[in-house]
Amino acid sequence: MKTNKSILFLAIISIAGTILFASCFRNKNNATLDANIEQHNKDANEYKSELDQTDNDINNALKDIPTFGKTDDATSILSSPLCGCTIDSTDIANKILYFNFDGLTPCFSPSVTRSGQIKVQLTSGNYWKDAGSVLTETFTNYKITRLSDNKSIMFNGVKTLENINGNDWWGFALSTSSFKYRERAFNIDVTFDNNQQAVWNSARTTEWSYNTVPGSPSIKQIIFDADGDTSLNGFNTVDSWGTNRFGSPFTTYYNTSVNSNTYCGLWRFNSGELVHHVDNTDFTLTLGVDQNGNPSSLNCAYGFKVEWSNGNNHYDVVLSY
């Protein structure tokens, strides 16, 4: 089997699309979700998907740069392979790069533009490809704008990414090893297009593996798993917490890790359960269900179920991906 590392890195894309509160749903109890809760959940998904995309892009660039531990056979480059971005390497002797986004070039589908800067520094370890190495990413007015409706999200703050397993590409291709990363972000200032603001923190682990599709051994897929990685506010396996755009405190934690793959689409989760605790109310999301809200027996699930309570009343809706 021929393994192209650039293709694999590009395949490890963010969990894109707004999976929460889609327009197509089955509402068993004639319940409706509060508009602020609906928006919070959309924001939670957008925060994660955009920063996952950014991590993927940075990985894709660093694999070509010897100072960070070049891992492919391409000619050494310091010009950026990333859409709408140039890399300032004037401080590379200190293992620092500046990713500058032009705010003009349409990228991805659906199309977005990106502006601002991300400073990337290898703050621990000799090379990023090594197990235990740590990248520190500093966001300065890093803004993603969706061209279809001009909606935007902007980040200011610092996060770290630890390479837990190391990047063993040959082992990954043979399905004997995986890529695993630990993220930490504290007090990220998030600004939306209407100038509403939020403060976001995150602590999670993500793991990427490579295997065959069940029942179709000739088809390969990349498998994604994520889990919360800290304890906070009386909850374990906490993924994120902070204050949302409406001034409400929130904590998101996982009851079970979430799982998806490239065969069905990384944003179409096959399994997992997470809880958004907002204003002392729990909204539980069960991922990978059929149209009746039961765990799907198919390779690719229909959608996910949201459950919450109001007094003695329990509500749930089934939403499609």
Protein backbone atom coordinates (compact mmCIF):
# COMPACT_ATOMS: atom_id res chain seq x y z
CA MET A 1 0.00 0.00 0.00
CA LYS A 2 1.35 3.42 -0.94
CA THR A 3 1.03 5.96 1.84
CA ASN A 4 1.21 9.67 1.01
CA LYS A 5 1.91 11.62 4.19
CA SER A 6 0.60 14.90 2.85
CA ILE A 7 -2.69 13.26 1.89
CA LEU A 8 -2.99 11.68 5.32
CA PHE A 9 -2.37 14.99 7.08
CA LEU A 10 -4.94 16.67 4.87
CA ALA A 11 -7.35 13.83 5.63
CA ILE A 12 -7.01 14.61 9.34
CA ILE A 13 -9.31 17.60 9.00
CA SER A 14 -11.38 19.28 11.66
CA ILE A 15 -14.76 18.07 12.78
CA ALA A 16 -16.44 20.48 10.44
CA GLY A 17 -20.00 21.60 10.03
CA THR A 18 -22.49 22.50 12.71
CA ILE A 19 -23.60 19.10 13.97
CA LEU A 20 -25.72 20.62 16.69
CA PHE A 21 -29.27 21.75 16.23
CA ALA A 22 -29.59 21.11 12.52
CA SER A 23 -32.79 22.07 10.77
CA CYS A 24 -33.92 18.47 10.25
CA PHE A 25 -35.01 16.77 13.47
CA ARG A 26 -37.54 14.48 15.09
CA ASN A 27 -39.06 16.00 18.22
CA LYS A 28 -40.74 13.33 20.33
CA ASN A 29 -42.05 15.57 23.08
CA ASN A 30 -42.87 18.80 21.23
CA ALA A 31 -40.02 20.44 23.11
CA THR A 32 -37.99 23.34 21.82
CA LEU A 33 -34.50 24.28 22.86
CA ASP A 34 -33.90 27.75 24.28
CA ALA A 35 -32.34 29.99 21.62
CA ASN A 36 -29.39 30.87 23.84
CA ILE A 37 -28.68 27.19 24.49
CA GLU A 38 -28.94 26.48 20.78
CA GLN A 39 -26.43 29.23 20.01
CA HIS A 40 -24.08 28.10 22.79
CA ASN A 41 -23.93 24.62 21.33
CA LYS A 42 -23.26 25.98 17.86
CA ASP A 43 -20.47 28.12 19.33
CA ALA A 44 -18.99 25.10 21.14
CA ASN A 45 -18.79 23.15 17.91
CA GLU A 46 -17.37 26.07 15.96
CA TYR A 47 -14.71 26.77 18.60
CA LYS A 48 -13.50 23.18 18.47
CA SER A 49 -13.76 22.65 14.71
CA GLU A 50 -11.85 25.83 13.83
CA LEU A 51 -9.01 25.13 16.26
CA ASP A 52 -8.85 21.48 15.12
CA GLN A 53 -8.52 22.74 11.54
CA THR A 54 -5.76 25.09 12.65
CA ASP A 55 -3.85 22.29 14.41
CA ASN A 56 -4.10 20.19 11.26
CA ASP A 57 -2.77 23.04 9.10
CA ILE A 58 0.15 23.69 11.43
CA ASN A 59 1.00 19.96 11.46
CA ASN A 60 0.88 19.95 7.68
CA ALA A 61 3.37 22.82 7.51
CA LEU A 62 5.78 21.67 10.23
CA LYS A 63 6.36 18.26 8.66
CA ASP A 64 8.31 19.99 5.86
CA ILE A 65 10.59 22.09 8.09
CA PRO A 66 13.86 20.47 9.31
CA THR A 67 14.14 22.61 12.46
CA PHE A 68 10.85 21.14 13.69
CA GLY A 69 11.72 17.57 12.64
CA LYS A 70 10.96 17.13 8.94
CA THR A 71 8.99 13.91 8.36
CA ASP A 72 8.50 13.68 4.60
CA ASP A 73 10.56 13.60 1.41
CA ALA A 74 9.58 17.01 0.03
CA THR A 75 12.14 19.72 -0.58
CA SER A 76 12.66 21.81 2.57
CA ILE A 77 10.34 24.80 2.50
CA LEU A 78 9.65 27.85 4.56
CA SER A 79 7.06 29.19 2.16
CA SER A 80 3.67 28.09 3.39
CA PRO A 81 1.70 25.20 1.89
CA LEU A 82 -1.35 26.60 3.69
CA CYS A 83 -4.18 28.48 2.02
CA GLY A 84 -4.00 32.27 2.40
CA CYS A 85 -0.96 32.13 4.66
CA THR A 86 2.72 33.08 4.65
CA ILE A 87 5.28 31.91 7.21
CA ASP A 88 7.70 34.35 8.83
CA SER A 89 10.82 32.32 9.73
CA THR A 90 13.06 35.13 10.96
CA ASP A 91 13.08 33.66 14.49
CA ILE A 92 13.43 30.00 13.49
CA ALA A 93 16.75 29.70 15.37
CA ASN A 94 14.61 29.84 18.53
CA LYS A 95 12.17 27.32 17.02
CA ILE A 96 9.56 30.04 16.46
CA LEU A 97 7.46 30.57 13.34
CA TYR A 98 4.80 33.21 12.65
CA PHE A 99 1.84 32.15 10.50
CA ASN A 100 0.36 35.30 8.94
CA PHE A 101 -3.06 35.03 7.25
CA ASP A 102 -4.03 37.49 4.52
CA GLY A 103 -7.78 37.79 5.22
CA LEU A 104 -8.50 37.71 1.47
CA THR A 105 -7.96 34.22 0.02
CA PRO A 106 -11.06 31.93 0.04
CA CYS A 107 -10.18 28.58 1.59
CA PHE A 108 -11.94 25.25 2.20
CA SER A 109 -15.54 24.31 1.52
CA PRO A 110 -17.66 26.10 2.55
CA SER A 111 -15.35 29.00 1.75
CA VAL A 112 -13.84 31.06 4.53
CA THR A 113 -11.12 33.69 4.81
CA ARG A 114 -8.61 33.81 7.64
CA SER A 115 -6.77 36.84 9.02
CA GLY A 116 -4.45 37.61 11.91
CA GLN A 117 -1.43 35.76 13.20
CA ILE A 118 -0.50 32.54 15.00
CA LYS A 119 2.90 32.34 16.66
CA VAL A 120 4.04 28.71 16.85
CA GLN A 121 6.93 27.76 19.14
CA LEU A 122 8.40 24.38 20.00
CA THR A 123 8.63 24.92 23.76
CA SER A 124 9.57 21.37 24.78
CA GLY A 125 11.49 18.64 22.96
CA ASN A 126 14.01 18.61 20.14
CA TYR A 127 11.51 18.06 17.32
CA TRP A 128 7.73 18.25 17.06
CA LYS A 129 7.57 14.70 15.69
CA ASP A 130 9.02 13.31 18.97
CA ALA A 131 6.87 11.91 21.77
CA GLY A 132 6.53 14.38 24.64
CA SER A 133 7.26 17.47 22.54
CA VAL A 134 5.05 20.53 23.06
CA LEU A 135 3.94 23.29 20.70
CA THR A 136 2.75 26.63 22.08
CA GLU A 137 0.36 28.50 19.79
CA THR A 138 -0.31 32.20 20.42
CA PHE A 139 -3.33 33.64 18.60
CA THR A 140 -3.39 37.36 17.81
CA ASN A 141 -6.66 38.52 16.22
CA TYR A 142 -6.89 35.16 14.43
CA LYS A 143 -10.23 35.50 12.65
CA ILE A 144 -12.19 33.05 10.48
CA THR A 145 -14.99 34.56 8.36
CA ARG A 146 -17.54 32.42 6.52
CA LEU A 147 -18.12 33.99 3.11
CA SER A 148 -21.68 32.69 2.65
CA ASP A 149 -23.11 34.84 5.47
CA ASN A 150 -20.14 36.89 6.77
CA LYS A 151 -20.34 35.19 10.18
CA SER A 152 -17.00 35.18 11.98
CA ILE A 153 -15.17 33.97 15.06
CA MET A 154 -11.91 35.50 16.34
CA PHE A 155 -9.41 34.11 18.85
CA ASN A 156 -6.89 35.82 21.12
CA GLY A 157 -4.88 33.79 23.61
CA VAL A 158 -2.51 30.87 24.07
CA LYS A 159 -2.92 27.09 23.82
CA THR A 160 -0.47 24.19 23.98
CA LEU A 161 -0.44 20.91 22.11
CA GLU A 162 1.57 17.94 23.39
CA ASN A 163 2.58 15.10 21.07
CA ILE A 164 1.95 12.07 23.29
CA ASN A 165 2.84 9.14 20.99
CA GLY A 166 5.20 10.73 18.47
CA ASN A 167 4.60 10.69 14.72
CA ASP A 168 5.39 7.16 13.53
CA TRP A 169 4.08 7.38 9.97
CA TRP A 170 5.07 3.84 8.99
CA GLY A 171 3.39 2.38 12.07
CA PHE A 172 0.33 4.53 11.39
CA ALA A 173 0.07 3.20 7.82
CA LEU A 174 0.40 -0.39 9.10
CA SER A 175 -2.29 0.24 11.78
CA THR A 176 0.20 -0.58 14.55
CA SER A 177 0.50 2.94 15.99
CA SER A 178 -1.61 6.06 16.36
CA PHE A 179 -1.15 9.80 16.71
CA LYS A 180 -2.25 11.16 20.07
CA TYR A 181 -2.25 14.79 21.24
CA ARG A 182 -3.11 16.58 24.50
CA GLU A 183 -4.52 20.11 24.28
CA ARG A 184 -4.58 22.82 26.94
CA ALA A 185 -6.06 26.30 26.42
CA PHE A 186 -6.78 28.77 29.20
CA ASN A 187 -8.72 32.04 28.96
CA ILE A 188 -9.01 32.20 25.20
CA ASP A 189 -10.89 35.39 24.31
CA VAL A 190 -13.46 34.60 21.61
CA THR A 191 -15.19 37.41 19.67
CA PHE A 192 -18.11 36.83 17.32
CA ASP A 193 -19.26 38.89 14.32
CA ASN A 194 -21.82 40.84 16.39
CA ASN A 195 -19.04 41.75 18.89
CA GLN A 196 -20.42 39.41 21.55
CA GLN A 197 -17.59 37.80 23.49
CA ALA A 198 -16.90 34.60 25.36
CA VAL A 199 -14.04 33.13 27.38
CA TRP A 200 -13.12 29.55 26.57
CA ASN A 201 -10.88 26.97 28.21
CA SER A 202 -10.23 23.46 26.95
CA ALA A 203 -8.50 20.28 28.10
CA ARG A 204 -8.82 17.28 25.81
CA THR A 205 -6.96 14.41 24.21
CA THR A 206 -7.44 13.42 20.59
CA GLU A 207 -6.22 10.25 18.91
CA TRP A 208 -5.98 9.35 15.21
CA SER A 209 -5.60 5.78 13.94
CA TYR A 210 -5.77 4.07 10.55
CA ASN A 211 -7.73 0.90 9.83
CA THR A 212 -10.18 -0.83 7.50
CA VAL A 213 -13.93 -0.23 7.30
CA PRO A 214 -15.89 -3.04 9.05
CA GLY A 215 -17.17 -5.44 6.41
CA SER A 216 -15.05 -3.79 3.68
CA PRO A 217 -11.39 -4.78 4.27
CA SER A 218 -10.26 -3.15 1.02
CA ILE A 219 -11.38 0.31 2.21
CA LYS A 220 -9.14 2.22 4.62
CA GLN A 221 -10.34 4.91 7.02
CA ILE A 222 -8.84 7.29 9.55
CA ILE A 223 -10.49 6.92 12.95
CA PHE A 224 -10.81 9.86 15.34
CA ASP A 225 -11.37 9.63 19.12
CA ALA A 226 -11.61 12.51 21.60
CA ASP A 227 -12.08 12.70 25.35
CA GLY A 228 -12.12 15.30 28.09
CA ASP A 229 -8.89 15.43 30.06
CA THR A 230 -9.40 17.20 33.38
CA SER A 231 -11.64 17.36 36.47
CA LEU A 232 -13.42 20.60 37.31
CA ASN A 233 -16.55 21.89 39.07
CA GLY A 234 -17.36 18.41 40.38
CA PHE A 235 -17.19 16.81 36.92
CA ASN A 236 -14.64 14.37 35.49
CA THR A 237 -13.44 14.06 31.87
CA VAL A 238 -14.09 17.77 31.35
CA ASP A 239 -13.42 18.95 27.77
CA SER A 240 -14.13 22.69 28.03
CA TRP A 241 -15.45 25.37 30.35
CA GLY A 242 -15.81 29.12 30.63
CA THR A 243 -18.39 31.86 30.06
CA ASN A 244 -20.42 31.89 26.85
CA ARG A 245 -21.48 34.89 24.76
CA PHE A 246 -24.58 35.38 26.94
CA GLY A 247 -22.57 35.58 30.17
CA SER A 248 -23.61 32.10 31.29
CA PRO A 249 -21.04 29.80 32.91
CA PHE A 250 -20.70 26.40 31.25
CA THR A 251 -18.83 23.12 31.61
CA THR A 252 -18.72 20.41 28.94
CA TYR A 253 -17.72 16.88 29.92
CA TYR A 254 -17.79 13.44 28.30
CA ASN A 255 -19.61 10.44 29.71
CA THR A 256 -17.89 8.36 27.04
CA SER A 257 -15.29 9.35 24.44
CA VAL A 258 -16.57 10.44 21.02
CA ASN A 259 -15.67 8.54 17.87
CA SER A 260 -15.87 9.27 14.15
CA ASN A 261 -14.04 8.34 10.93
CA THR A 262 -13.28 9.55 7.42
CA TYR A 263 -15.48 6.86 5.83
CA CYS A 264 -18.66 8.45 7.20
CA GLY A 265 -17.20 11.94 7.66
CA LEU A 266 -15.28 13.15 10.70
CA TRP A 267 -18.22 15.29 11.83
CA ARG A 268 -20.69 12.36 11.62
CA PHE A 269 -19.97 10.74 14.99
CA ASN A 270 -20.55 7.02 15.34
CA SER A 271 -20.62 6.91 19.12
CA GLY A 272 -20.03 8.87 22.31
CA GLU A 273 -21.91 10.88 24.92
CA LEU A 274 -21.18 14.39 26.13
CA VAL A 275 -22.94 16.82 28.43
CA HIS A 276 -23.19 20.62 28.19
CA HIS A 277 -23.83 21.94 31.73
CA VAL A 278 -25.14 25.49 31.21
CA ASP A 279 -26.75 27.62 33.92
CA ASN A 280 -27.10 24.53 36.13
CA THR A 281 -28.98 22.58 33.45
CA ASP A 282 -27.58 19.48 31.76
CA PHE A 283 -28.02 18.96 28.02
CA THR A 284 -26.90 15.40 27.19
CA LEU A 285 -25.91 14.54 23.63
CA THR A 286 -25.87 10.88 22.58
CA LEU A 287 -24.01 10.55 19.29
CA GLY A 288 -24.43 7.91 16.59
CA VAL A 289 -28.15 7.11 16.80
CA ASP A 290 -30.81 6.05 14.31
CA GLN A 291 -33.98 8.04 13.54
CA ASN A 292 -35.62 6.66 16.69
CA GLY A 293 -32.79 7.79 18.94
CA ASN A 294 -31.36 4.30 19.46
CA PRO A 295 -27.69 3.38 18.92
CA SER A 296 -27.24 2.83 15.19
CA SER A 297 -26.38 -0.66 13.92
CA LEU A 298 -25.09 0.79 10.63
CA ASN A 299 -21.52 1.88 9.85
CA CYS A 300 -22.75 5.46 9.47
CA ALA A 301 -25.33 6.80 11.92
CA TYR A 302 -28.34 9.03 11.20
CA GLY A 303 -27.63 11.65 13.86
CA PHE A 304 -27.64 12.35 17.60
CA LYS A 305 -30.11 12.78 20.47
CA VAL A 306 -30.31 15.74 22.87
CA GLU A 307 -31.96 15.21 26.28
CA TRP A 308 -32.71 17.67 29.08
CA SER A 309 -35.14 18.18 31.96
CA ASN A 310 -37.30 21.06 33.16
CA GLY A 311 -38.72 20.35 36.59
CA ASN A 312 -40.37 16.94 36.45
CA ASN A 313 -40.55 17.00 32.66
CA HIS A 314 -37.95 15.21 30.53
CA TYR A 315 -37.46 16.17 26.89
CA ASP A 316 -35.48 14.83 23.98
CA VAL A 317 -35.03 15.58 20.29
CA VAL A 318 -33.34 13.51 17.60
CA LEU A 319 -31.31 15.56 15.14
CA SER A 320 -29.76 14.51 11.84
CA TYR A 321 -26.12 15.20 10.95
